[in-house]
N, C-alpha and C. Protein backbone atom coordinates (compact mmCIF):
# COMPACT_ATOMS: atom_id res chain seq x y z
N MET A 1 36.88 -37.48 -2.80
CA MET A 1 38.01 -36.94 -2.11
C MET A 1 37.62 -37.40 -0.39
N GLN A 2 38.76 -37.75 0.30
CA GLN A 2 37.92 -38.52 1.49
C GLN A 2 39.15 -37.96 2.47
N SER A 3 39.00 -37.90 3.60
CA SER A 3 39.91 -37.00 4.37
C SER A 3 40.47 -38.30 5.62
N THR A 4 41.86 -37.71 5.77
CA THR A 4 42.60 -38.89 6.47
C THR A 4 42.23 -37.77 7.70
N GLY A 5 41.69 -36.90 8.21
CA GLY A 5 41.57 -36.52 9.32
C GLY A 5 40.58 -36.62 10.00
N LYS A 6 40.01 -35.29 10.93
CA LYS A 6 39.05 -35.93 12.04
C LYS A 6 37.43 -35.03 10.82
N ARG A 7 36.74 -35.88 10.89
CA ARG A 7 35.89 -36.06 9.99
C ARG A 7 35.16 -34.44 10.97
N ARG A 8 35.03 -32.65 10.26
CA ARG A 8 33.97 -32.15 10.44
C ARG A 8 32.84 -31.66 9.95
N SER A 9 32.06 -33.05 8.81
CA SER A 9 31.29 -32.00 8.08
C SER A 9 30.05 -32.45 8.62
N CYS A 10 30.24 -32.89 9.59
CA CYS A 10 28.89 -33.65 10.32
C CYS A 10 29.07 -33.46 12.02
N ARG A 11 29.69 -32.84 12.74
CA ARG A 11 29.74 -31.98 13.82
C ARG A 11 28.05 -31.93 14.44
N VAL A 12 28.07 -32.84 15.72
CA VAL A 12 26.65 -33.19 16.68
C VAL A 12 26.87 -32.20 17.33
N ARG A 13 26.20 -31.27 17.75
CA ARG A 13 26.44 -30.51 19.00
C ARG A 13 25.25 -30.60 19.58
N THR A 14 26.36 -31.00 21.24
CA THR A 14 26.43 -32.43 21.77
C THR A 14 26.43 -31.11 23.69
N LEU A 15 24.96 -32.04 24.46
CA LEU A 15 25.12 -31.12 25.66
C LEU A 15 25.37 -32.59 26.44
N ILE A 16 26.44 -32.65 27.44
CA ILE A 16 26.59 -33.66 28.48
C ILE A 16 25.85 -33.73 29.43
N VAL A 17 24.85 -34.18 30.08
CA VAL A 17 24.60 -34.29 31.68
C VAL A 17 25.01 -35.20 32.49
N ASP A 18 25.29 -35.07 33.43
CA ASP A 18 25.77 -35.88 34.06
C ASP A 18 26.86 -35.60 35.41
N ASP A 19 26.00 -35.76 36.77
CA ASP A 19 26.71 -35.30 37.55
C ASP A 19 28.55 -35.78 38.28
N SER A 20 28.22 -36.70 37.69
CA SER A 20 29.89 -36.73 37.87
C SER A 20 30.84 -36.57 36.54
N ALA A 21 31.26 -35.16 37.12
CA ALA A 21 32.63 -34.34 36.47
C ALA A 21 33.54 -34.81 35.48
N PRO A 22 33.77 -36.68 36.19
CA PRO A 22 35.13 -37.63 35.47
C PRO A 22 34.37 -37.67 34.59
N ILE A 23 33.12 -38.59 34.49
CA ILE A 23 32.40 -38.97 33.60
C ILE A 23 32.53 -38.05 32.61
N ALA A 24 31.70 -37.06 32.68
CA ALA A 24 31.02 -36.29 31.99
C ALA A 24 32.10 -35.62 30.78
N HIS A 25 33.60 -35.55 31.26
CA HIS A 25 34.95 -35.40 31.04
C HIS A 25 35.65 -36.98 29.86
N LEU A 26 35.15 -37.59 30.73
CA LEU A 26 35.47 -39.26 30.09
C LEU A 26 34.74 -38.79 28.06
N ILE A 27 33.44 -38.92 28.04
CA ILE A 27 33.13 -38.75 27.24
C ILE A 27 32.98 -37.47 26.33
N THR A 28 32.73 -36.89 27.32
CA THR A 28 33.59 -35.57 26.16
C THR A 28 34.53 -36.09 25.42
N GLY A 29 35.67 -36.68 26.17
CA GLY A 29 36.34 -36.82 25.14
C GLY A 29 36.72 -38.21 24.35
N LEU A 30 35.45 -39.67 24.91
CA LEU A 30 35.16 -40.34 22.98
C LEU A 30 34.12 -39.44 22.42
N LEU A 31 33.68 -38.76 22.23
CA LEU A 31 33.03 -38.10 21.51
C LEU A 31 33.78 -36.81 20.44
N GLU A 32 34.19 -36.04 21.13
CA GLU A 32 35.51 -35.75 20.40
C GLU A 32 36.71 -36.27 19.97
N GLY A 33 37.45 -37.44 20.23
CA GLY A 33 37.88 -38.16 19.44
C GLY A 33 37.82 -38.29 18.62
N HIS A 34 36.17 -39.05 18.05
CA HIS A 34 35.95 -40.11 17.54
C HIS A 34 35.31 -38.84 16.24
N GLY A 35 35.14 -37.51 16.77
CA GLY A 35 35.05 -36.98 15.78
C GLY A 35 33.57 -36.90 14.94
N LEU A 36 33.00 -36.99 15.76
CA LEU A 36 31.40 -37.44 16.47
C LEU A 36 30.70 -36.51 16.68
N CYS A 37 30.81 -35.84 17.68
CA CYS A 37 30.54 -34.32 18.38
C CYS A 37 31.10 -33.61 18.78
N GLU A 38 30.41 -31.86 18.80
CA GLU A 38 30.80 -30.92 19.42
C GLU A 38 30.39 -30.51 20.56
N VAL A 39 31.11 -30.88 21.87
CA VAL A 39 30.15 -30.65 22.92
C VAL A 39 30.32 -29.24 23.43
N VAL A 40 28.96 -28.85 23.05
CA VAL A 40 28.50 -27.56 23.72
C VAL A 40 28.77 -26.95 24.57
N GLY A 41 28.03 -27.42 25.92
CA GLY A 41 28.26 -27.69 27.04
C GLY A 41 27.39 -28.68 28.04
N MET A 42 27.92 -28.95 29.11
CA MET A 42 27.98 -29.34 30.46
C MET A 42 26.52 -29.45 31.08
N ALA A 43 25.58 -30.05 31.91
CA ALA A 43 24.99 -29.73 33.23
C ALA A 43 25.14 -30.59 33.81
N ASP A 44 24.98 -30.64 35.53
CA ASP A 44 24.77 -31.52 36.26
C ASP A 44 23.91 -32.46 36.85
N ASN A 45 22.82 -31.74 36.58
CA ASN A 45 21.43 -32.34 36.93
C ASN A 45 20.04 -32.01 35.43
N GLY A 46 19.18 -32.39 36.46
CA GLY A 46 18.42 -32.61 34.45
C GLY A 46 17.57 -30.91 34.87
N GLN A 47 17.86 -30.30 35.79
CA GLN A 47 16.86 -28.71 35.79
C GLN A 47 17.59 -27.75 34.59
N GLU A 48 18.88 -27.78 34.94
CA GLU A 48 20.44 -27.13 34.69
C GLU A 48 20.03 -27.89 32.49
N ALA A 49 19.96 -28.85 32.78
CA ALA A 49 19.99 -29.73 31.31
C ALA A 49 18.53 -28.87 30.52
N ILE A 50 17.36 -29.20 31.19
CA ILE A 50 16.55 -28.17 30.18
C ILE A 50 16.95 -26.57 30.09
N GLU A 51 16.91 -26.57 30.77
CA GLU A 51 17.51 -24.43 30.87
C GLU A 51 18.40 -24.62 29.58
N ILE A 52 19.78 -25.12 29.88
CA ILE A 52 20.79 -25.09 29.13
C ILE A 52 19.88 -25.73 27.07
N VAL A 53 19.43 -26.62 27.02
CA VAL A 53 18.79 -27.61 26.18
C VAL A 53 18.05 -25.68 25.73
N ALA A 54 16.83 -25.47 26.30
CA ALA A 54 16.06 -24.09 25.71
C ALA A 54 17.32 -23.35 24.94
N ALA A 55 18.22 -23.16 26.10
CA ALA A 55 19.23 -22.30 25.75
C ALA A 55 20.19 -21.88 24.13
N LEU A 56 20.36 -23.38 24.40
CA LEU A 56 21.49 -23.46 23.59
C LEU A 56 21.30 -24.52 21.74
N ARG A 57 19.74 -25.00 22.22
CA ARG A 57 19.26 -25.83 21.14
C ARG A 57 20.37 -26.71 20.87
N PRO A 58 21.09 -27.85 21.53
CA PRO A 58 22.05 -28.91 20.88
C PRO A 58 20.89 -29.65 19.92
N ASP A 59 21.98 -30.37 19.06
CA ASP A 59 21.02 -31.57 18.48
C ASP A 59 21.05 -32.86 19.40
N LEU A 60 22.20 -33.12 20.47
CA LEU A 60 21.80 -33.99 21.11
C LEU A 60 22.66 -34.11 22.21
N VAL A 61 21.72 -34.31 23.06
CA VAL A 61 21.58 -34.85 24.74
C VAL A 61 22.05 -35.84 25.25
N ILE A 62 23.35 -36.67 25.95
CA ILE A 62 23.63 -36.99 26.55
C ILE A 62 23.33 -37.21 27.95
N MET A 63 22.67 -37.91 28.46
CA MET A 63 21.31 -38.19 30.19
C MET A 63 21.65 -38.78 30.90
N ASP A 64 22.52 -38.67 32.03
CA ASP A 64 22.85 -39.72 33.03
C ASP A 64 21.30 -40.06 34.18
N VAL A 65 21.00 -41.17 34.45
CA VAL A 65 19.68 -41.75 34.83
C VAL A 65 19.56 -40.56 35.65
N GLN A 66 20.73 -41.16 37.07
CA GLN A 66 20.79 -40.84 38.36
C GLN A 66 21.42 -39.56 38.97
N MET A 67 20.79 -37.99 39.21
CA MET A 67 21.21 -36.78 39.13
C MET A 67 20.10 -36.31 40.64
N PRO A 68 21.20 -35.16 41.04
CA PRO A 68 20.18 -34.16 42.23
C PRO A 68 19.30 -33.68 41.29
N LYS A 69 18.43 -32.77 42.07
CA LYS A 69 17.37 -31.64 41.85
C LYS A 69 16.29 -32.33 41.30
N MET A 70 17.06 -33.18 39.74
CA MET A 70 16.00 -34.07 39.07
C MET A 70 16.76 -35.16 37.60
N ASN A 71 16.38 -36.14 38.18
CA ASN A 71 16.87 -37.25 37.19
C ASN A 71 16.26 -37.35 35.86
N GLY A 72 17.21 -37.60 35.56
CA GLY A 72 17.32 -37.68 33.60
C GLY A 72 16.01 -37.94 32.84
N ILE A 73 15.19 -39.03 34.00
CA ILE A 73 14.36 -39.21 33.26
C ILE A 73 13.04 -38.88 32.74
N ASP A 74 12.74 -37.94 34.28
CA ASP A 74 12.09 -36.87 34.15
C ASP A 74 12.82 -35.95 33.28
N ALA A 75 13.61 -34.89 33.31
CA ALA A 75 14.28 -34.32 32.36
C ALA A 75 14.11 -34.51 31.02
N THR A 76 14.29 -36.13 30.18
CA THR A 76 14.32 -36.49 28.86
C THR A 76 13.17 -36.37 28.90
N ARG A 77 11.75 -36.20 29.55
CA ARG A 77 10.55 -36.43 29.51
C ARG A 77 10.09 -34.82 28.90
N ILE A 78 11.04 -33.91 29.64
CA ILE A 78 10.08 -32.71 29.58
C ILE A 78 10.86 -32.01 28.35
N ILE A 79 11.93 -32.47 28.24
CA ILE A 79 12.84 -31.88 27.13
C ILE A 79 12.89 -32.74 25.46
N LYS A 80 12.06 -33.63 25.55
CA LYS A 80 11.09 -34.35 24.16
C LYS A 80 9.80 -33.96 24.20
N SER A 81 8.92 -33.29 24.96
CA SER A 81 8.21 -32.74 24.81
C SER A 81 7.96 -31.51 24.45
N ARG A 82 8.99 -31.03 24.31
CA ARG A 82 8.94 -29.26 24.00
C ARG A 82 9.40 -29.42 22.27
N PRO A 83 8.60 -28.91 21.05
CA PRO A 83 9.54 -28.34 19.80
C PRO A 83 10.23 -28.23 19.42
N GLY A 84 11.18 -28.84 18.36
CA GLY A 84 12.18 -29.08 18.05
C GLY A 84 13.17 -29.47 18.99
N ALA A 85 13.30 -30.66 19.75
CA ALA A 85 13.69 -31.21 20.80
C ALA A 85 14.72 -31.99 20.36
N PRO A 86 15.38 -32.04 20.61
CA PRO A 86 16.52 -32.70 20.56
C PRO A 86 16.76 -33.77 20.37
N HIS A 87 18.02 -35.52 19.84
CA HIS A 87 17.49 -36.31 20.52
C HIS A 87 18.04 -36.61 22.09
N VAL A 88 17.77 -37.66 22.11
CA VAL A 88 18.66 -38.16 23.89
C VAL A 88 18.82 -38.93 23.85
N VAL A 89 20.18 -39.23 24.39
CA VAL A 89 20.61 -40.83 24.79
C VAL A 89 21.24 -40.87 26.45
N VAL A 90 20.35 -42.10 26.48
CA VAL A 90 20.13 -41.79 28.33
C VAL A 90 21.32 -43.19 28.81
N ILE A 91 22.36 -42.18 29.39
CA ILE A 91 23.18 -43.56 30.16
C ILE A 91 23.16 -43.83 31.87
N THR A 92 23.70 -44.88 32.00
CA THR A 92 23.69 -45.32 33.53
C THR A 92 24.38 -46.54 33.24
N PHE A 93 24.76 -46.43 34.26
CA PHE A 93 26.02 -47.60 35.24
C PHE A 93 24.82 -48.73 35.80
N ASP A 94 23.56 -48.55 36.30
CA ASP A 94 22.30 -49.62 37.07
C ASP A 94 21.78 -50.32 35.82
N HIS A 95 22.14 -51.21 35.29
CA HIS A 95 21.68 -52.41 34.14
C HIS A 95 20.28 -52.55 34.60
N ARG A 96 19.39 -52.06 35.33
CA ARG A 96 18.38 -52.68 35.59
C ARG A 96 17.62 -52.04 34.13
N LYS A 97 16.81 -52.70 33.83
CA LYS A 97 15.26 -53.05 32.65
C LYS A 97 14.70 -52.43 32.67
N ALA A 98 14.08 -52.23 33.94
CA ALA A 98 12.93 -50.62 34.85
C ALA A 98 13.46 -49.49 34.25
N TYR A 99 15.49 -48.82 34.05
CA TYR A 99 15.27 -47.62 33.85
C TYR A 99 15.63 -47.09 32.20
N GLU A 100 16.10 -48.82 31.49
CA GLU A 100 15.62 -48.59 29.70
C GLU A 100 14.05 -48.57 29.58
N ASP A 101 13.61 -48.89 30.14
CA ASP A 101 11.87 -48.62 29.91
C ASP A 101 11.49 -47.64 30.13
N ALA A 102 11.77 -47.17 31.06
CA ALA A 102 11.29 -45.94 31.41
C ALA A 102 11.82 -44.69 30.40
N ALA A 103 13.61 -44.97 29.72
CA ALA A 103 14.62 -43.66 29.59
C ALA A 103 13.38 -43.75 27.60
N TYR A 104 13.62 -45.11 27.57
CA TYR A 104 12.16 -44.99 25.73
C TYR A 104 11.00 -45.04 26.63
N GLY A 105 10.65 -44.96 27.12
CA GLY A 105 8.72 -44.79 27.99
C GLY A 105 8.85 -43.08 28.19
N ALA A 106 10.50 -41.99 28.20
CA ALA A 106 9.83 -40.69 28.40
C ALA A 106 10.67 -40.09 26.76
N GLY A 107 10.92 -40.67 25.75
CA GLY A 107 11.66 -39.76 24.98
C GLY A 107 12.31 -40.89 24.28
N ALA A 108 13.17 -40.73 25.18
CA ALA A 108 14.60 -41.40 24.47
C ALA A 108 15.12 -41.68 23.63
N ASP A 109 15.70 -41.23 22.30
CA ASP A 109 16.14 -42.27 21.54
C ASP A 109 17.24 -43.07 21.38
N GLY A 110 17.67 -43.50 22.33
CA GLY A 110 18.87 -44.49 22.71
C GLY A 110 19.15 -44.43 24.06
N PHE A 111 19.83 -45.81 24.63
CA PHE A 111 20.55 -46.19 25.89
C PHE A 111 21.13 -46.86 25.80
N CYS A 112 22.06 -46.45 26.57
CA CYS A 112 23.66 -47.33 26.81
C CYS A 112 24.60 -47.67 28.45
N SER A 113 25.06 -48.43 28.63
CA SER A 113 25.64 -48.30 29.34
C SER A 113 27.10 -47.39 29.92
N LYS A 114 27.01 -47.05 30.95
CA LYS A 114 28.74 -45.98 30.99
C LYS A 114 29.72 -46.72 30.85
N GLU A 115 29.25 -48.60 31.28
CA GLU A 115 30.34 -49.50 31.69
C GLU A 115 30.85 -49.58 30.23
N HIS A 116 30.24 -49.76 29.01
CA HIS A 116 30.43 -50.39 27.97
C HIS A 116 29.94 -49.31 26.50
N ILE A 117 30.08 -48.11 27.89
CA ILE A 117 30.26 -46.89 26.48
C ILE A 117 30.53 -46.46 25.81
N ALA A 118 32.48 -46.91 24.92
CA ALA A 118 32.33 -46.74 24.04
C ALA A 118 32.58 -47.37 23.11
N GLU A 119 32.24 -48.79 22.97
CA GLU A 119 31.38 -49.66 22.33
C GLU A 119 30.40 -49.11 22.06
N GLN A 120 29.27 -49.25 22.72
CA GLN A 120 28.38 -48.90 22.37
C GLN A 120 27.76 -47.08 21.60
N LEU A 121 28.54 -45.93 22.66
CA LEU A 121 27.83 -45.28 22.17
C LEU A 121 28.04 -44.37 20.45
N PRO A 122 29.62 -44.72 20.04
CA PRO A 122 29.73 -44.43 18.87
C PRO A 122 28.60 -45.04 17.34
N PRO A 123 28.31 -46.60 17.63
CA PRO A 123 27.20 -46.65 16.67
C PRO A 123 25.62 -46.30 16.78
N LEU A 124 25.31 -45.75 17.89
CA LEU A 124 23.92 -46.05 18.24
C LEU A 124 24.25 -44.13 17.36
N LEU A 125 25.46 -43.27 17.57
CA LEU A 125 25.46 -42.34 17.44
C LEU A 125 25.26 -41.94 16.02
N ARG A 126 26.07 -42.93 15.20
CA ARG A 126 26.16 -42.74 13.84
C ARG A 126 25.19 -43.36 13.10
N LYS A 127 24.24 -44.28 14.45
CA LYS A 127 22.57 -44.44 12.83
C LYS A 127 21.75 -43.42 13.38
N LEU A 128 21.39 -42.70 14.55
CA LEU A 128 21.27 -41.39 15.03
C LEU A 128 21.60 -40.03 13.63
N PHE A 129 22.76 -40.17 13.71
CA PHE A 129 23.39 -38.95 12.24
C PHE A 129 23.91 -39.80 11.51
N PRO A 130 23.46 -40.04 10.40
CA PRO A 130 24.82 -40.98 9.46
C PRO A 130 25.18 -39.77 8.86
N PRO A 131 26.58 -40.47 8.96
CA PRO A 131 27.58 -39.30 7.93
C PRO A 131 27.37 -38.72 6.65
N SER A 132 25.85 -39.09 6.51
CA SER A 132 25.33 -38.50 4.29
C SER A 132 24.31 -37.58 5.02
N SER A 133 24.03 -37.39 6.74
CA SER A 133 22.91 -36.32 6.77
C SER A 133 23.76 -35.39 6.68
N LYS A 134 22.30 -33.90 7.27
CA LYS A 134 23.38 -32.60 6.96
C LYS A 134 22.79 -32.18 8.21
N ASN A 135 23.58 -32.01 9.16
CA ASN A 135 23.38 -31.17 10.27
C ASN A 135 22.86 -29.66 9.94
N LYS A 136 22.03 -29.19 10.48
CA LYS A 136 20.54 -28.60 10.68
C LYS A 136 20.65 -27.00 11.89
N ALA A 137 21.57 -26.71 11.66
CA ALA A 137 22.31 -25.61 12.48
C ALA A 137 20.60 -24.75 12.55
């Protein structure tokens, strides 16, 4: 049986980490509008992200690169070094290849440009969380 509404069977519990509240809310709307994710938390710096990941254990972290207190690359490295780490997708407006290389070097599962996030993020998430996969809570 096919559903005509939003798909709720593969909701990915997501933490959004960005020091820009408007960007974080834009990403929330994108993810929830596509029915891809349930945003379970937000953080505005890498240190806070590490704490929230430990407390909420999300399936996915959308991580900005440049933030106060701790940048997204360092936070990704710490998050991915821990057992049961979530998937991490790093996002940035700065398109320098060095950021992409650093993100993947820190263990990121994906990298997106904020300018093209509406086109890049949904297919990336479908690849990381195929519709046939079951979310393990």
